[in-house]
Protein backbone atom coordinates (compact mmCIF):
# COMPACT_ATOMS: atom_id res chain seq x y z
CA MET A 1 -13.14 8.05 1.31
CA ALA A 2 -9.77 9.92 3.21
CA THR A 3 -6.31 8.95 1.66
CA VAL A 4 -3.17 10.09 3.43
CA GLU A 5 0.46 9.56 1.97
CA GLU A 6 3.60 10.81 3.51
CA SER A 7 7.44 10.12 3.58
CA ILE A 8 10.15 10.12 5.32
CA ASP A 9 14.13 9.72 4.96
CA VAL A 10 15.57 7.11 7.46
CA ALA A 11 19.68 6.29 7.69
CA VAL A 12 19.07 2.36 7.63
CA PRO A 13 19.87 0.14 4.79
CA VAL A 14 16.74 -0.25 2.81
CA SER A 15 16.57 -4.29 3.67
CA THR A 16 16.43 -3.08 7.16
CA ALA A 17 13.39 -0.27 6.67
CA TYR A 18 11.72 -3.11 4.59
CA ASN A 19 12.14 -5.76 7.21
CA GLN A 20 10.97 -3.76 10.51
CA TRP A 21 7.20 -2.97 7.83
CA THR A 22 6.81 -6.92 8.04
CA GLN A 23 6.76 -7.38 11.60
CA PHE A 24 3.02 -6.03 12.04
CA GLU A 25 3.30 -6.81 15.85
CA SER A 26 5.41 -4.01 16.40
CA PHE A 27 3.36 -1.33 14.69
CA PRO A 28 1.80 0.19 18.33
CA GLU A 29 5.49 1.08 18.78
CA PHE A 30 5.43 3.68 16.60
CA MET A 31 1.71 4.14 15.23
CA GLY A 32 -0.50 6.01 17.22
CA GLY A 33 -3.91 5.20 17.34
CA VAL A 34 -3.19 0.97 16.70
CA GLU A 35 -3.02 -0.66 20.22
CA SER A 36 -2.58 -3.92 18.92
CA VAL A 37 -2.21 -6.28 16.16
CA THR A 38 -1.84 -9.71 16.08
CA GLN A 39 -0.54 -11.99 12.94
CA LEU A 40 -2.59 -15.09 12.62
CA THR A 41 -0.88 -16.43 9.44
CA ASP A 42 1.92 -15.43 7.54
CA THR A 43 -0.31 -13.16 5.15
CA THR A 44 -3.05 -12.64 7.98
CA ASN A 45 -2.75 -9.97 10.80
CA ARG A 46 -5.81 -8.58 13.35
CA TRP A 47 -5.78 -5.20 14.44
CA LYS A 48 -7.10 -3.30 17.66
CA ALA A 49 -7.14 0.14 16.65
CA LYS A 50 -9.16 4.17 18.13
CA VAL A 51 -9.32 6.42 15.51
CA ALA A 52 -10.47 9.84 16.37
CA GLY A 53 -11.98 8.00 19.70
CA VAL A 54 -13.69 5.29 17.55
CA GLU A 55 -12.76 1.89 18.32
CA ARG A 56 -12.13 -0.25 15.46
CA ASP A 57 -11.42 -4.44 15.51
CA PHE A 58 -10.62 -5.68 11.89
CA GLU A 59 -8.70 -8.25 10.28
CA THR A 60 -6.28 -7.31 7.24
CA GLU A 61 -4.47 -9.01 4.62
CA ILE A 62 -1.25 -9.02 3.14
CA VAL A 63 -2.09 -8.61 -0.87
CA GLU A 64 1.25 -7.36 -2.46
CA GLN A 65 4.82 -7.87 -1.05
CA GLN A 66 8.40 -7.54 -3.08
CA PRO A 67 10.99 -7.65 -0.30
CA ASP A 68 12.69 -4.46 -0.41
CA ARG A 69 9.99 -2.42 -2.54
CA LYS A 70 6.80 -2.73 -1.20
CA VAL A 71 3.98 -4.03 1.38
CA ALA A 72 0.37 -3.56 0.81
CA TRP A 73 -2.45 -4.99 2.93
CA ARG A 74 -6.26 -4.68 2.43
CA SER A 75 -9.34 -5.38 5.25
CA VAL A 76 -11.18 -8.49 4.61
CA ASP A 77 -14.26 -8.37 6.97
CA GLY A 78 -16.00 -5.37 5.33
CA THR A 79 -14.34 -2.73 7.36
CA THR A 80 -12.96 -0.77 4.07
CA HIS A 81 -9.25 -0.15 5.34
CA ALA A 82 -6.09 -0.33 2.78
CA GLY A 83 -2.27 0.63 3.18
CA GLU A 84 0.85 0.03 1.23
CA VAL A 85 4.37 1.13 1.96
CA THR A 86 7.45 0.93 -0.17
CA PHE A 87 10.73 1.51 -0.15
CA GLU A 88 13.08 3.73 -2.08
CA PRO A 89 17.15 3.00 -1.65
CA LEU A 90 19.29 6.41 -0.86
CA GLY A 91 22.64 4.76 -0.79
CA ASP A 92 23.76 1.71 1.10
CA GLN A 93 23.23 3.15 4.59
CA ALA A 94 19.77 5.22 4.05
CA SER A 95 16.29 4.48 2.50
CA ARG A 96 13.30 6.18 1.45
CA VAL A 97 9.53 5.45 3.62
CA HIS A 98 6.38 6.25 1.20
CA VAL A 99 3.42 5.57 3.15
CA ARG A 100 -0.36 5.61 1.56
CA LEU A 101 -3.25 4.96 3.86
CA GLN A 102 -7.04 4.86 2.73
CA TRP A 103 -10.31 4.16 4.93
CA ASP A 104 -13.54 4.49 4.35
CA THR A 105 -14.67 7.98 7.15
CA GLU A 106 -18.20 5.90 8.66
CA SER A 107 -18.31 9.01 11.54
CA LEU A 108 -18.33 12.76 11.36
CA THR A 109 -15.46 12.90 13.89
CA GLU A 110 -13.39 11.16 11.38
CA LYS A 111 -14.35 13.10 8.27
CA VAL A 112 -13.93 16.21 10.22
CA GLY A 113 -10.40 15.23 11.19
CA ALA A 114 -9.61 14.48 7.57
CA ALA A 115 -10.58 17.44 6.46
CA LEU A 116 -8.29 19.88 9.16
CA GLY A 117 -5.90 17.36 8.03
CA PHE A 118 -5.46 15.52 11.66
CA ASP A 119 -5.13 12.03 9.57
CA SER A 120 -2.03 13.56 7.82
CA ARG A 121 -0.48 14.63 11.16
CA GLN A 122 -0.91 11.70 12.40
CA VAL A 123 0.89 9.45 9.74
CA LYS A 124 3.36 12.28 9.81
CA ALA A 125 4.22 11.29 13.50
CA ASP A 126 4.12 7.71 12.98
CA LEU A 127 6.59 7.79 10.22
CA ARG A 128 8.81 10.00 12.78
CA ARG A 129 8.45 7.82 15.13
CA PHE A 130 9.53 4.54 12.70
CA LYS A 131 12.49 6.60 12.12
CA GLU A 132 13.47 6.84 15.93
CA PHE A 133 12.65 4.00 16.54
CA ILE A 134 14.05 1.75 13.55
CA GLU A 135 17.83 4.38 13.65
CA ALA A 136 17.83 4.12 17.46
CA ARG A 137 17.70 0.17 16.96
CA GLY A 138 20.29 -0.09 13.57
CA ALA A 139 18.68 -2.93 13.23
CA GLU A 140 15.24 -4.95 12.58
CA THR A 141 13.28 -6.80 15.44
CA GLY A 142 12.65 -9.47 12.80
CA ALA A 143 11.81 -9.97 8.98
CA TRP A 144 9.83 -12.04 6.55
CA ARG A 145 11.04 -11.80 3.27
CA GLY A 146 8.47 -14.08 1.50
CA THR A 147 6.83 -12.45 -1.90
CA VAL A 148 3.19 -12.20 -2.35
CA GLU A 149 2.08 -11.37 -6.05
CA ASP A 150 -0.16 -8.69 -6.54
CA ARG A 151 -4.29 -10.39 -5.74
CA PRO A 152 -6.85 -9.05 -7.79
CA ALA A 153 -8.06 -5.74 -6.92
CA GLY A 154 -5.80 -5.68 -3.92
CA ASP A 155 -5.34 -1.81 -4.13
CA SER A 156 -8.76 -0.95 -4.15
CA PHE A 157 -11.56 -0.58 -1.84
CA GLU A 158 -14.05 -1.65 -3.82
CA GLY A 159 -12.25 -5.08 -4.39
CA ALA A 160 -12.52 -5.68 -0.82
CA GLU A 161 -15.97 -4.73 -0.76
CA ALA A 162 -16.81 -7.10 -3.19
CA ALA A 163 -14.95 -10.09 -1.89
CA ALA A 164 -16.66 -9.40 1.89
CA ARG A 165 -20.43 -9.46 0.04
CA ALA A 166 -19.18 -12.60 -1.69
CA GLY A 167 -18.24 -14.25 1.42
CA ALA A 168 -21.90 -14.07 3.00
CA GLY A 169 -23.55 -14.09 -0.13
CA GLY A 170 -25.34 -17.68 0.90
CA GLY A 171 -23.12 -20.96 -0.60
CA ARG A 172 -19.92 -21.30 -1.84
CA ALA A 173 -20.28 -21.35 -5.44
CA ALA A 174 -22.55 -17.61 -5.54
CA GLY A 175 -19.20 -16.26 -3.97
CA ASP A 176 -16.83 -18.81 -5.64
CA GLU A 177 -18.23 -17.05 -8.87
CA GLU A 178 -18.64 -13.02 -7.66
CA LEU A 179 -15.01 -13.51 -6.93
CA ALA A 180 -14.31 -14.51 -10.30
CA ARG A 181 -16.36 -11.66 -11.96
CA THR A 182 -14.25 -9.28 -9.66
CA ALA A 183 -11.05 -10.70 -10.52
CA GLU A 184 -11.66 -10.82 -14.30
CA ALA A 185 -13.15 -6.87 -13.61
CA ALA A 186 -9.85 -6.47 -11.78
CA ALA A 187 -7.63 -7.90 -14.50
CA LEU A 188 -9.01 -6.28 -17.29
CA GLY A 189 -8.88 -2.48 -15.24
CA PRO A 190 -9.32 0.76 -16.19
CA GLU A 191 -8.66 1.87 -19.61
CA LEU A 192 -5.26 3.32 -19.39
CA PRO A 193 -4.23 6.61 -21.22
CA ALA A 194 -2.53 6.39 -23.99
CA ALA A 195 1.16 7.31 -23.22
CA TYR A 196 1.18 4.59 -20.58
CA GLU A 197 0.36 1.84 -23.41
CA ARG A 198 3.27 3.37 -25.35
CA PHE A 199 5.56 3.34 -22.43
CA LEU A 200 4.36 -0.34 -21.56
CA ALA A 201 5.13 -1.42 -25.04
CA GLY A 202 8.66 -0.64 -24.73
CA LEU A 203 9.80 -2.48 -21.67
CA THR A 204 9.89 -6.65 -20.68
CA PRO A 205 7.15 -8.34 -19.56
CA GLU A 206 9.13 -8.83 -16.28
CA GLU A 207 9.16 -4.72 -16.64
CA ALA A 208 5.61 -4.50 -17.72
CA SER A 209 4.69 -6.67 -14.87
CA THR A 210 6.19 -3.94 -12.33
CA VAL A 211 4.88 -0.74 -14.13
CA ARG A 212 1.43 -1.41 -15.13
CA PRO A 213 -0.43 -1.83 -11.19
CA VAL A 214 1.21 1.26 -10.68
CA MET A 215 -0.95 2.41 -14.45
CA LYS A 216 -3.61 0.91 -13.30
CA GLN A 217 -3.51 2.30 -9.87
CA SER A 218 -3.10 6.23 -11.33
CA ALA A 219 -6.14 5.84 -14.39
CA SER A 220 -8.03 4.02 -11.48
CA GLU A 221 -7.83 7.46 -9.65
CA GLY A 222 -7.17 9.88 -12.48
CA LEU A 223 -5.36 12.27 -10.38
CA GLN A 224 -2.12 11.99 -10.66
CA GLY A 225 0.74 10.82 -13.46
CA ILE A 226 3.89 8.20 -13.36
CA HIS A 227 7.25 8.94 -11.99
CA ILE A 228 9.50 5.82 -13.33
CA ARG A 229 13.07 5.80 -11.86
CA VAL A 230 15.44 3.15 -14.00
CA MET A 231 18.22 2.07 -12.19
CA PRO A 232 20.49 -0.59 -13.15
CA SER A 233 19.12 -3.08 -12.23
CA GLU A 234 15.39 -2.73 -12.02
CA ILE A 235 12.83 -0.12 -13.08
CA GLN A 236 10.77 1.36 -10.18
CA ALA A 237 6.84 3.40 -11.11
CA MET A 238 4.95 5.24 -8.51
CA VAL A 239 2.38 7.64 -8.89
CA SER A 240 3.20 11.18 -8.22
CA ASN A 241 1.98 14.54 -7.69
CA GLU A 242 4.16 15.79 -9.54
CA VAL A 243 3.58 14.22 -13.08
CA PRO A 244 0.26 15.43 -14.73
CA TYR A 245 -2.18 12.76 -15.02
CA GLY A 246 -1.89 10.64 -18.46
CA GLU A 247 2.00 11.20 -18.52
CA VAL A 248 4.53 9.29 -17.80
CA ARG A 249 8.39 11.40 -16.16
CA ILE A 250 11.50 9.11 -16.50
CA GLU A 251 14.47 9.15 -14.84
CA ASP A 252 17.57 7.58 -15.80
CA ASN A 253 20.00 6.07 -12.37
CA THR A 254 21.85 3.69 -14.94
């Protein structure tokens, strides 16, 4: 499984950057290799893409959407692909966009590309094109500001694969039972490091609901710690390769 994470600062308000990322059909304007995205419903899209010369056609669902903060999606038809974009305000007229993409490398060409860093360079180039695109316009092409709650296993390939197997498992009852077991396992999640549990214990239920999914992600990967930003009106959490796994670093911006 290949993973790429990249960030870029753009000279537009965070709401403008976020609104543009809700317009999936505009992705070919700045994403190399994405030939088209067709929006089927508010939360599902059909992609046509070419990765390292390999053509892909797959459907995704939005599994989490928080206005001005996050958009996350995953494939639903057996192709292990997931992505998320988070947004951070850098003042009234600037914002930081952080992209995290994951996919299962199915061919030797893709594996070599990931090993050599071609994928990372592609994402960097895509973000530069997004910056040029949105700064030149100065405004979004559209917006969908609905909220999608974090769905069970929404940020993991294991969840997508389990859902695909359940859907093809011969009968609604068997599929629903499998999905229920998957949801139960996802709700429990991996055991969190002691420092994470201590930090959660001091939060309000609303704050904990924001931070806990990020901590579960960190615990499932076991590679990066948690960076917390305390803002005047909210708390933000993200995994960070600058924080050792199992530790919480707090940045107070109040």
